[in-house]
PDB file of N, CA and C in Angstrom:
ATOM      1  N   MET A   1      -6.860   8.486  13.636  1.00  0.00           N
ATOM      2  CA  MET A   1      -7.570   7.778  12.594  1.00  0.00           C
ATOM      3  C   MET A   1      -7.606   6.297  12.946  1.00  0.00           C
ATOM      4  N   LYS A   2      -8.757   5.669  12.748  1.00  0.00           N
ATOM      5  CA  LYS A   2      -8.940   4.254  13.034  1.00  0.00           C
ATOM      6  C   LYS A   2      -8.296   3.412  11.936  1.00  0.00           C
ATOM      7  N   ALA A   3      -7.575   2.390  12.354  1.00  0.00           N
ATOM      8  CA  ALA A   3      -6.899   1.509  11.396  1.00  0.00           C
ATOM      9  C   ALA A   3      -7.878   0.474  10.846  1.00  0.00           C
ATOM     10  N   ASP A   4      -7.653   0.086   9.597  1.00  0.00           N
ATOM     11  CA  ASP A   4      -8.361  -1.017   8.971  1.00  0.00           C
ATOM     12  C   ASP A   4      -7.496  -2.259   9.107  1.00  0.00           C
ATOM     13  N   GLN A   5      -8.060  -3.416   8.734  1.00  0.00           N
ATOM     14  CA  GLN A   5      -7.295  -4.657   8.783  1.00  0.00           C
ATOM     15  C   GLN A   5      -7.427  -5.412   7.473  1.00  0.00           C
ATOM     16  N   THR A   6      -6.321  -6.042   7.084  1.00  0.00           N
ATOM     17  CA  THR A   6      -6.326  -6.892   5.903  1.00  0.00           C
ATOM     18  C   THR A   6      -6.955  -8.231   6.272  1.00  0.00           C
ATOM     19  N   GLU A   7      -7.149  -9.071   5.279  1.00  0.00           N
ATOM     20  CA  GLU A   7      -7.718 -10.394   5.516  1.00  0.00           C
ATOM     21  C   GLU A   7      -6.866 -11.211   6.489  1.00  0.00           C
ATOM     22  N   SER A   8      -5.550 -11.034   6.424  1.00  0.00           N
ATOM     23  CA  SER A   8      -4.666 -11.784   7.329  1.00  0.00           C
ATOM     24  C   SER A   8      -4.554 -11.123   8.712  1.00  0.00           C
ATOM     25  N   GLY A   9      -5.198  -9.959   8.893  1.00  0.00           N
ATOM     26  CA  GLY A   9      -5.204  -9.303  10.197  1.00  0.00           C
ATOM     27  C   GLY A   9      -4.167  -8.218  10.382  1.00  0.00           C
ATOM     28  N   ARG A  10      -3.460  -7.856   9.330  1.00  0.00           N
ATOM     29  CA  ARG A  10      -2.462  -6.782   9.449  1.00  0.00           C
ATOM     30  C   ARG A  10      -3.171  -5.431   9.488  1.00  0.00           C
ATOM     31  N   SER A  11      -2.847  -4.614  10.458  1.00  0.00           N
ATOM     32  CA  SER A  11      -3.460  -3.292  10.610  1.00  0.00           C
ATOM     33  C   SER A  11      -2.760  -2.273   9.723  1.00  0.00           C
ATOM     34  N   TYR A  12      -3.556  -1.402   9.111  1.00  0.00           N
ATOM     35  CA  TYR A  12      -3.005  -0.351   8.256  1.00  0.00           C
ATOM     36  C   TYR A  12      -3.989   0.811   8.213  1.00  0.00           C
ATOM     37  N   TRP A  13      -3.492   1.930   7.753  1.00  0.00           N
ATOM     38  CA  TRP A  13      -4.379   3.051   7.453  1.00  0.00           C
ATOM     39  C   TRP A  13      -3.843   3.807   6.254  1.00  0.00           C
ATOM     40  N   LEU A  14      -4.746   4.431   5.529  1.00  0.00           N
ATOM     41  CA  LEU A  14      -4.423   5.175   4.316  1.00  0.00           C
ATOM     42  C   LEU A  14      -4.416   6.665   4.622  1.00  0.00           C
ATOM     43  N   THR A  15      -3.351   7.347   4.213  1.00  0.00           N
ATOM     44  CA  THR A  15      -3.335   8.807   4.350  1.00  0.00           C
ATOM     45  C   THR A  15      -4.382   9.396   3.409  1.00  0.00           C
ATOM     46  N   LYS A  16      -4.692  10.659   3.584  1.00  0.00           N
ATOM     47  CA  LYS A  16      -5.630  11.333   2.682  1.00  0.00           C
ATOM     48  C   LYS A  16      -5.108  11.258   1.253  1.00  0.00           C
ATOM     49  N   HIS A  17      -3.811  11.463   1.072  1.00  0.00           N
ATOM     50  CA  HIS A  17      -3.225  11.400  -0.264  1.00  0.00           C
ATOM     51  C   HIS A  17      -3.437  10.005  -0.876  1.00  0.00           C
ATOM     52  N   ALA A  18      -3.205   8.957  -0.102  1.00  0.00           N
ATOM     53  CA  ALA A  18      -3.401   7.594  -0.608  1.00  0.00           C
ATOM     54  C   ALA A  18      -4.863   7.364  -0.988  1.00  0.00           C
ATOM     55  N   ARG A  19      -5.799   7.822  -0.157  1.00  0.00           N
ATOM     56  CA  ARG A  19      -7.232   7.667  -0.484  1.00  0.00           C
ATOM     57  C   ARG A  19      -7.576   8.413  -1.764  1.00  0.00           C
ATOM     58  N   ASP A  20      -7.037   9.609  -1.921  1.00  0.00           N
ATOM     59  CA  ASP A  20      -7.279  10.383  -3.149  1.00  0.00           C
ATOM     60  C   ASP A  20      -6.734   9.641  -4.372  1.00  0.00           C
ATOM     61  N   GLN A  21      -5.552   9.046  -4.240  1.00  0.00           N
ATOM     62  CA  GLN A  21      -4.942   8.328  -5.361  1.00  0.00           C
ATOM     63  C   GLN A  21      -5.734   7.069  -5.720  1.00  0.00           C
ATOM     64  N   LEU A  22      -6.286   6.384  -4.722  1.00  0.00           N
ATOM     65  CA  LEU A  22      -7.135   5.223  -5.007  1.00  0.00           C
ATOM     66  C   LEU A  22      -8.294   5.629  -5.904  1.00  0.00           C
ATOM     67  N   SER A  23      -8.941   6.712  -5.546  1.00  0.00           N
ATOM     68  CA  SER A  23     -10.078   7.192  -6.324  1.00  0.00           C
ATOM     69  C   SER A  23      -9.639   7.627  -7.725  1.00  0.00           C
ATOM     70  N   ARG A  24      -8.599   8.420  -7.785  1.00  0.00           N
ATOM     71  CA  ARG A  24      -8.112   8.960  -9.060  1.00  0.00           C
ATOM     72  C   ARG A  24      -7.625   7.864  -9.996  1.00  0.00           C
ATOM     73  N   ARG A  25      -6.982   6.849  -9.433  1.00  0.00           N
ATOM     74  CA  ARG A  25      -6.371   5.790 -10.254  1.00  0.00           C
ATOM     75  C   ARG A  25      -7.250   4.545 -10.377  1.00  0.00           C
ATOM     76  N   GLN A  26      -8.454   4.619  -9.812  1.00  0.00           N
ATOM     77  CA  GLN A  26      -9.418   3.516  -9.864  1.00  0.00           C
ATOM     78  C   GLN A  26      -8.831   2.212  -9.318  1.00  0.00           C
ATOM     79  N   ILE A  27      -8.226   2.320  -8.155  1.00  0.00           N
ATOM     80  CA  ILE A  27      -7.675   1.169  -7.450  1.00  0.00           C
ATOM     81  C   ILE A  27      -8.572   0.911  -6.246  1.00  0.00           C
ATOM     82  N   LYS A  28      -8.919  -0.342  -6.044  1.00  0.00           N
ATOM     83  CA  LYS A  28      -9.802  -0.703  -4.937  1.00  0.00           C
ATOM     84  C   LYS A  28      -8.994  -0.935  -3.651  1.00  0.00           C
ATOM     85  N   LYS A  29      -9.632  -0.617  -2.543  1.00  0.00           N
ATOM     86  CA  LYS A  29      -9.004  -0.790  -1.238  1.00  0.00           C
ATOM     87  C   LYS A  29      -8.592  -2.242  -1.012  1.00  0.00           C
ATOM     88  N   ARG A  30      -9.407  -3.184  -1.453  1.00  0.00           N
ATOM     89  CA  ARG A  30      -9.065  -4.599  -1.277  1.00  0.00           C
ATOM     90  C   ARG A  30      -7.806  -4.969  -2.056  1.00  0.00           C
ATOM     91  N   GLU A  31      -7.536  -4.270  -3.171  1.00  0.00           N
ATOM     92  CA  GLU A  31      -6.312  -4.512  -3.931  1.00  0.00           C
ATOM     93  C   GLU A  31      -5.081  -4.065  -3.126  1.00  0.00           C
ATOM     94  N   VAL A  32      -5.222  -2.957  -2.430  1.00  0.00           N
ATOM     95  CA  VAL A  32      -4.152  -2.493  -1.545  1.00  0.00           C
ATOM     96  C   VAL A  32      -3.911  -3.534  -0.456  1.00  0.00           C
ATOM     97  N   GLU A  33      -4.980  -4.063   0.109  1.00  0.00           N
ATOM     98  CA  GLU A  33      -4.860  -5.076   1.155  1.00  0.00           C
ATOM     99  C   GLU A  33      -4.181  -6.339   0.635  1.00  0.00           C
ATOM    100  N   GLU A  34      -4.475  -6.722  -0.613  1.00  0.00           N
ATOM    101  CA  GLU A  34      -3.826  -7.891  -1.208  1.00  0.00           C
ATOM    102  C   GLU A  34      -2.316  -7.692  -1.279  1.00  0.00           C
ATOM    103  N   VAL A  35      -1.882  -6.497  -1.646  1.00  0.00           N
ATOM    104  CA  VAL A  35      -0.451  -6.220  -1.746  1.00  0.00           C
ATOM    105  C   VAL A  35       0.196  -6.161  -0.353  1.00  0.00           C
ATOM    106  N   ILE A  36      -0.504  -5.596   0.610  1.00  0.00           N
ATOM    107  CA  ILE A  36       0.031  -5.587   1.978  1.00  0.00           C
ATOM    108  C   ILE A  36       0.269  -7.026   2.445  1.00  0.00           C
ATOM    109  N   ASP A  37      -0.682  -7.903   2.193  1.00  0.00           N
ATOM    110  CA  ASP A  37      -0.572  -9.293   2.646  1.00  0.00           C
ATOM    111  C   ASP A  37       0.355 -10.145   1.787  1.00  0.00           C
ATOM    112  N   ASN A  38       0.484  -9.825   0.501  1.00  0.00           N
ATOM    113  CA  ASN A  38       1.175 -10.732  -0.420  1.00  0.00           C
ATOM    114  C   ASN A  38       2.216 -10.058  -1.295  1.00  0.00           C
ATOM    115  N   HIS A  39       2.844  -8.987  -0.827  1.00  0.00           N
ATOM    116  CA  HIS A  39       3.855  -8.315  -1.651  1.00  0.00           C
ATOM    117  C   HIS A  39       5.041  -9.254  -1.865  1.00  0.00           C
ATOM    118  N   HIS A  40       5.666  -9.117  -3.021  1.00  0.00           N
ATOM    119  CA  HIS A  40       6.804  -9.981  -3.340  1.00  0.00           C
ATOM    120  C   HIS A  40       8.140  -9.249  -3.237  1.00  0.00           C
ATOM    121  N   LEU A  41       8.083  -7.963  -2.967  1.00  0.00           N
ATOM    122  CA  LEU A  41       9.314  -7.185  -2.918  1.00  0.00           C
ATOM    123  C   LEU A  41       9.131  -5.989  -1.996  1.00  0.00           C
ATOM    124  N   ILE A  42      10.138  -5.710  -1.181  1.00  0.00           N
ATOM    125  CA  ILE A  42      10.178  -4.496  -0.363  1.00  0.00           C
ATOM    126  C   ILE A  42      11.487  -3.792  -0.695  1.00  0.00           C
ATOM    127  N   LEU A  43      11.388  -2.538  -1.098  1.00  0.00           N
ATOM    128  CA  LEU A  43      12.562  -1.742  -1.451  1.00  0.00           C
ATOM    129  C   LEU A  43      12.559  -0.442  -0.673  1.00  0.00           C
ATOM    130  N   PRO A  44      13.734   0.148  -0.443  1.00  0.00           N
ATOM    131  CA  PRO A  44      13.744   1.488   0.145  1.00  0.00           C
ATOM    132  C   PRO A  44      13.155   2.469  -0.862  1.00  0.00           C
ATOM    133  N   ASP A  45      12.468   3.482  -0.377  1.00  0.00           N
ATOM    134  CA  ASP A  45      11.911   4.493  -1.259  1.00  0.00           C
ATOM    135  C   ASP A  45      13.037   5.358  -1.809  1.00  0.00           C
ATOM    136  N   LYS A  46      12.936   5.727  -3.071  1.00  0.00           N
ATOM    137  CA  LYS A  46      13.988   6.508  -3.720  1.00  0.00           C
ATOM    138  C   LYS A  46      14.056   7.944  -3.194  1.00  0.00           C
ATOM    139  N   GLU A  47      12.903   8.486  -2.788  1.00  0.00           N
ATOM    140  CA  GLU A  47      12.852   9.895  -2.390  1.00  0.00           C
ATOM    141  C   GLU A  47      13.083  10.110  -0.898  1.00  0.00           C
ATOM    142  N   LYS A  48      12.508   9.240  -0.070  1.00  0.00           N
ATOM    143  CA  LYS A  48      12.626   9.412   1.376  1.00  0.00           C
ATOM    144  C   LYS A  48      13.085   8.111   2.010  1.00  0.00           C
ATOM    145  N   LYS A  49      14.199   8.159   2.690  1.00  0.00           N
ATOM    146  CA  LYS A  49      14.785   6.965   3.303  1.00  0.00           C
ATOM    147  C   LYS A  49      13.898   6.362   4.395  1.00  0.00           C
ATOM    148  N   GLU A  50      13.051   7.186   5.000  1.00  0.00           N
ATOM    149  CA  GLU A  50      12.198   6.671   6.076  1.00  0.00           C
ATOM    150  C   GLU A  50      10.975   5.920   5.542  1.00  0.00           C
ATOM    151  N   ASN A  51      10.861   5.826   4.222  1.00  0.00           N
ATOM    152  CA  ASN A  51       9.758   5.105   3.601  1.00  0.00           C
ATOM    153  C   ASN A  51      10.262   3.871   2.866  1.00  0.00           C
ATOM    154  N   GLN A  52       9.318   2.947   2.624  1.00  0.00           N
ATOM    155  CA  GLN A  52       9.599   1.742   1.858  1.00  0.00           C
ATOM    156  C   GLN A  52       8.575   1.616   0.742  1.00  0.00           C
ATOM    157  N   ARG A  53       8.902   0.801  -0.247  1.00  0.00           N
ATOM    158  CA  ARG A  53       7.953   0.480  -1.314  1.00  0.00           C
ATOM    159  C   ARG A  53       7.629  -1.004  -1.241  1.00  0.00           C
ATOM    160  N   PHE A  54       6.343  -1.320  -1.111  1.00  0.00           N
ATOM    161  CA  PHE A  54       5.873  -2.700  -1.198  1.00  0.00           C
ATOM    162  C   PHE A  54       5.388  -2.880  -2.628  1.00  0.00           C
ATOM    163  N   ILE A  55       5.854  -3.910  -3.312  1.00  0.00           N
ATOM    164  CA  ILE A  55       5.429  -4.167  -4.682  1.00  0.00           C
ATOM    165  C   ILE A  55       4.796  -5.548  -4.727  1.00  0.00           C
ATOM    166  N   GLY A  56       3.613  -5.625  -5.322  1.00  0.00           N
ATOM    167  CA  GLY A  56       2.911  -6.899  -5.404  1.00  0.00           C
ATOM    168  C   GLY A  56       1.893  -6.895  -6.526  1.00  0.00           C
ATOM    169  N   ILE A  57       1.396  -8.086  -6.816  1.00  0.00           N
ATOM    170  CA  ILE A  57       0.409  -8.260  -7.881  1.00  0.00           C
ATOM    171  C   ILE A  57      -0.902  -8.696  -7.246  1.00  0.00           C
ATOM    172  N   THR A  58      -1.980  -8.028  -7.641  1.00  0.00           N
ATOM    173  CA  THR A  58      -3.301  -8.339  -7.104  1.00  0.00           C
ATOM    174  C   THR A  58      -3.860  -9.591  -7.784  1.00  0.00           C
ATOM    175  N   ALA A  59      -4.951 -10.105  -7.239  1.00  0.00           N
ATOM    176  CA  ALA A  59      -5.593 -11.299  -7.789  1.00  0.00           C
ATOM    177  C   ALA A  59      -6.040 -11.100  -9.239  1.00  0.00           C
ATOM    178  N   ASN A  60      -6.360  -9.851  -9.608  1.00  0.00           N
ATOM    179  CA  ASN A  60      -6.793  -9.604 -10.987  1.00  0.00           C
ATOM    180  C   ASN A  60      -5.647  -9.132 -11.886  1.00  0.00           C
ATOM    181  N   GLY A  61      -4.393  -9.297 -11.426  1.00  0.00           N
ATOM    182  CA  GLY A  61      -3.237  -9.070 -12.281  1.00  0.00           C
ATOM    183  C   GLY A  61      -2.634  -7.679 -12.298  1.00  0.00           C
ATOM    184  N   LYS A  62      -3.130  -6.768 -11.470  1.00  0.00           N
ATOM    185  CA  LYS A  62      -2.533  -5.425 -11.405  1.00  0.00           C
ATOM    186  C   LYS A  62      -1.262  -5.486 -10.562  1.00  0.00           C
ATOM    187  N   GLU A  63      -0.197  -4.857 -11.042  1.00  0.00           N
ATOM    188  CA  GLU A  63       0.988  -4.699 -10.204  1.00  0.00           C
ATOM    189  C   GLU A  63       0.902  -3.336  -9.535  1.00  0.00           C
ATOM    190  N   LEU A  64       0.938  -3.340  -8.219  1.00  0.00           N
ATOM    191  CA  LEU A  64       0.834  -2.097  -7.455  1.00  0.00           C
ATOM    192  C   LEU A  64       2.102  -1.867  -6.654  1.00  0.00           C
ATOM    193  N   LYS A  65       2.420  -0.583  -6.493  1.00  0.00           N
ATOM    194  CA  LYS A  65       3.502  -0.160  -5.608  1.00  0.00           C
ATOM    195  C   LYS A  65       2.860   0.674  -4.505  1.00  0.00           C
ATOM    196  N   LEU A  66       3.085   0.280  -3.272  1.00  0.00           N
ATOM    197  CA  LEU A  66       2.608   1.040  -2.118  1.00  0.00           C
ATOM    198  C   LEU A  66       3.814   1.704  -1.474  1.00  0.00           C
ATOM    199  N   VAL A  67       3.750   2.993  -1.276  1.00  0.00           N
ATOM    200  CA  VAL A  67       4.780   3.678  -0.497  1.00  0.00           C
ATOM    201  C   VAL A  67       4.253   3.739   0.929  1.00  0.00           C
ATOM    202  N   VAL A  68       5.025   3.141   1.852  1.00  0.00           N
ATOM    203  CA  VAL A  68       4.608   3.054   3.245  1.00  0.00           C
ATOM    204  C   VAL A  68       5.695   3.618   4.151  1.00  0.00           C
ATOM    205  N   GLU A  69       5.271   4.088   5.305  1.00  0.00           N
ATOM    206  CA  GLU A  69       6.235   4.580   6.291  1.00  0.00           C
ATOM    207  C   GLU A  69       6.908   3.375   6.944  1.00  0.00           C
ATOM    208  N   LYS A  70       8.214   3.347   6.892  1.00  0.00           N
ATOM    209  CA  LYS A  70       8.998   2.234   7.432  1.00  0.00           C
ATOM    210  C   LYS A  70       8.740   2.077   8.928  1.00  0.00           C
ATOM    211  N   ASP A  71       8.560   0.850   9.356  1.00  0.00           N
ATOM    212  CA  ASP A  71       8.372   0.481  10.761  1.00  0.00           C
ATOM    213  C   ASP A  71       7.122   1.076  11.406  1.00  0.00           C
ATOM    214  N   SER A  72       6.151   1.512  10.608  1.00  0.00           N
ATOM    215  CA  SER A  72       4.931   2.053  11.203  1.00  0.00           C
ATOM    216  C   SER A  72       4.017   0.912  11.644  1.00  0.00           C
ATOM    217  N   ASN A  73       3.299   1.147  12.724  1.00  0.00           N
ATOM    218  CA  ASN A  73       2.348   0.163  13.238  1.00  0.00           C
ATOM    219  C   ASN A  73       1.186   0.895  13.897  1.00  0.00           C
ATOM    220  N   PRO A  74      -0.001   0.872  13.282  1.00  0.00           N
ATOM    221  CA  PRO A  74      -0.352   0.194  12.055  1.00  0.00           C
ATOM    222  C   PRO A  74       0.413   0.761  10.849  1.00  0.00           C
ATOM    223  N   LEU A  75       0.469  -0.040   9.806  1.00  0.00           N
ATOM    224  CA  LEU A  75       1.182   0.325   8.592  1.00  0.00           C
ATOM    225  C   LEU A  75       0.552   1.586   7.989  1.00  0.00           C
ATOM    226  N   LYS A  76       1.360   2.604   7.767  1.00  0.00           N
ATOM    227  CA  LYS A  76       0.879   3.867   7.199  1.00  0.00           C
ATOM    228  C   LYS A  76       1.151   3.868   5.693  1.00  0.00           C
ATOM    229  N   VAL A  77       0.085   3.778   4.888  1.00  0.00           N
ATOM    230  CA  VAL A  77       0.200   3.778   3.434  1.00  0.00           C
ATOM    231  C   VAL A  77       0.119   5.228   2.962  1.00  0.00           C
ATOM    232  N   ILE A  78       1.200   5.711   2.348  1.00  0.00           N
ATOM    233  CA  ILE A  78       1.309   7.108   1.936  1.00  0.00           C
ATOM    234  C   ILE A  78       0.731   7.342   0.550  1.00  0.00           C
ATOM    235  N   THR A  79       1.020   6.437  -0.382  1.00  0.00           N
ATOM    236  CA  THR A  79       0.448   6.536  -1.721  1.00  0.00           C
ATOM    237  C   THR A  79       0.430   5.166  -2.367  1.00  0.00           C
ATOM    238  N   VAL A  80      -0.355   5.057  -3.444  1.00  0.00           N
ATOM    239  CA  VAL A  80      -0.525   3.814  -4.180  1.00  0.00           C
ATOM    240  C   VAL A  80      -0.409   4.120  -5.661  1.00  0.00           C
ATOM    241  N   ILE A  81       0.417   3.316  -6.374  1.00  0.00           N
ATOM    242  CA  ILE A  81       0.645   3.541  -7.792  1.00  0.00           C
ATOM    243  C   ILE A  81       0.494   2.209  -8.518  1.00  0.00           C
ATOM    244  N   GLU A  82      -0.232   2.214  -9.653  1.00  0.00           N
ATOM    245  CA  GLU A  82      -0.298   1.021 -10.485  1.00  0.00           C
ATOM    246  C   GLU A  82       0.889   1.049 -11.434  1.00  0.00           C
ATOM    247  N   THR A  83       1.690  -0.020 -11.430  1.00  0.00           N
ATOM    248  CA  THR A  83       2.888  -0.035 -12.247  1.00  0.00           C
ATOM    249  C   THR A  83       2.753  -0.884 -13.497  1.00  0.00           C
ATOM    250  N   SER A  84       1.675  -1.667 -13.608  1.00  0.00           N
ATOM    251  CA  SER A  84       1.506  -2.512 -14.791  1.00  0.00           C
ATOM    252  C   SER A  84       0.487  -1.928 -15.741  1.00  0.00           C
TER     253      SER A  84
END
């Protein structure tokens, strides 16, 4: 799968599950990119130790949690959840 890039140039790709969740939860891809570039917190994932959670607030005020595969390059986004 071809990787996309954020505005700051960070490479990432969305799993099928993450793409489905964007559609289902009405989250825009650019909002995911904002959190990748500007997250304020990184935590270990509660369910799988090999994953991390990036938490950040988008320009329009949504707080998103991205579950990503730890140390992946390009960054593998597994799912996206709106927490606010």
